[in-house]
C-alpha atoms as a PDB file:
ATOM      1  CA  MET A   1       5.522   3.256 -35.959  1.00  0.00           C
ATOM      2  CA  PHE A   2       6.620  -0.106 -34.422  1.00  0.00           C
ATOM      3  CA  GLY A   3       4.995  -2.521 -36.690  1.00  0.00           C
ATOM      4  CA  ASN A   4       4.129  -6.178 -35.456  1.00  0.00           C
ATOM      5  CA  ASP A   5       7.455  -6.849 -33.574  1.00  0.00           C
ATOM      6  CA  VAL A   6       6.267 -10.027 -31.661  1.00  0.00           C
ATOM      7  CA  ASP A   7       9.195  -9.705 -29.177  1.00  0.00           C
ATOM      8  CA  PHE A   8       8.428  -6.200 -28.313  1.00  0.00           C
ATOM      9  CA  LEU A   9       4.724  -6.949 -27.945  1.00  0.00           C
ATOM     10  CA  LEU A  10       5.527  -9.945 -25.630  1.00  0.00           C
ATOM     11  CA  SER A  11       7.855  -7.919 -23.515  1.00  0.00           C
ATOM     12  CA  VAL A  12       5.225  -5.036 -23.043  1.00  0.00           C
ATOM     13  CA  HIS A  13       2.599  -7.684 -22.193  1.00  0.00           C
ATOM     14  CA  ARG A  14       4.961  -9.342 -19.687  1.00  0.00           C
ATOM     15  CA  THR A  15       5.962  -6.037 -17.951  1.00  0.00           C
ATOM     16  CA  HIS A  16       2.435  -5.018 -17.746  1.00  0.00           C
ATOM     17  CA  ALA A  17       1.316  -8.263 -16.211  1.00  0.00           C
ATOM     18  CA  ALA A  18       4.323  -7.956 -13.910  1.00  0.00           C
ATOM     19  CA  GLU A  19       3.252  -4.566 -12.849  1.00  0.00           C
ATOM     20  CA  LEU A  20      -0.560  -5.815 -12.147  1.00  0.00           C
ATOM     21  CA  ARG A  21       0.787  -8.783 -10.148  1.00  0.00           C
ATOM     22  CA  ALA A  22       2.919  -6.416  -7.941  1.00  0.00           C
ATOM     23  CA  GLU A  23       0.219  -3.983  -7.506  1.00  0.00           C
ATOM     24  CA  ALA A  24      -2.145  -6.689  -6.435  1.00  0.00           C
ATOM     25  CA  ALA A  25       0.377  -8.172  -4.144  1.00  0.00           C
ATOM     26  CA  ALA A  26       0.767  -4.747  -2.333  1.00  0.00           C
ATOM     27  CA  GLN A  27      -2.876  -4.388  -2.000  1.00  0.00           C
ATOM     28  CA  ARG A  28      -3.244  -7.712  -0.537  1.00  0.00           C
ATOM     29  CA  LEU A  29      -0.372  -6.897   1.749  1.00  0.00           C
ATOM     30  CA  ALA A  30      -2.075  -3.776   2.893  1.00  0.00           C
ATOM     31  CA  ARG A  31      -5.362  -5.648   3.604  1.00  0.00           C
ATOM     32  CA  SER A  32      -3.651  -8.231   5.698  1.00  0.00           C
ATOM     33  CA  VAL A  33      -1.888  -5.698   8.102  1.00  0.00           C
ATOM     34  CA  PRO A  34      -4.094  -4.625  10.792  1.00  0.00           C
ATOM     35  CA  ARG A  35      -4.749  -0.888  10.828  1.00  0.00           C
ATOM     36  CA  ARG A  36      -3.191   0.994  13.836  1.00  0.00           C
ATOM     37  CA  SER A  37      -5.675   2.375  16.075  1.00  0.00           C
ATOM     38  CA  GLY A  38      -5.750   4.896  18.952  1.00  0.00           C
ATOM     39  CA  ARG A  39      -5.897   2.161  21.630  1.00  0.00           C
ATOM     40  CA  THR A  40      -3.149   0.958  24.001  1.00  0.00           C
ATOM     41  CA  TRP A  41      -2.587  -2.590  25.041  1.00  0.00           C
ATOM     42  CA  LEU A  42      -5.182  -1.938  27.922  1.00  0.00           C
ATOM     43  CA  GLY A  43      -7.676  -1.277  25.228  1.00  0.00           C
ATOM     44  CA  ARG A  44      -8.502   2.296  26.288  1.00  0.00           C
ATOM     45  CA  ARG A  45      -8.343   5.037  23.628  1.00  0.00           C
ATOM     46  CA  GLN A  46      -5.557   7.535  24.172  1.00  0.00           C
ATOM     47  CA  PRO A  47      -6.564  11.423  23.957  1.00  0.00           C
ATOM     48  CA  THR A  48      -4.901  13.046  21.041  1.00  0.00           C
ATOM     49  CA  ARG A  49      -2.015  15.311  22.128  1.00  0.00           C
ATOM     50  CA  ARG A  50      -1.947  18.909  20.981  1.00  0.00           C
ATOM     51  CA  ALA A  51       0.883  21.324  21.114  1.00  0.00           C
ATOM     52  CA  GLY A  52      -0.702  23.328  23.919  1.00  0.00           C
ATOM     53  CA  ASP A  53      -1.151  20.231  26.242  1.00  0.00           C
ATOM     54  CA  ASP A  54       2.360  20.302  27.534  1.00  0.00           C
ATOM     55  CA  ARG A  55       1.573  23.529  29.731  1.00  0.00           C
ATOM     56  CA  ARG A  56      -0.867  21.661  32.037  1.00  0.00           C
END
């Protein structure tokens, strides 16, 4: 269908390589950011609040 168009194949290769680099960078960033935990600055766990807890 396309034949052996060198410029087309090179552009596809560069696009795919750029997508792979962007995906790797996003994964690297996700690993470097610490996950949020249920702890406050005092180090204690906060109980999870539910809709019915407001009545107490």
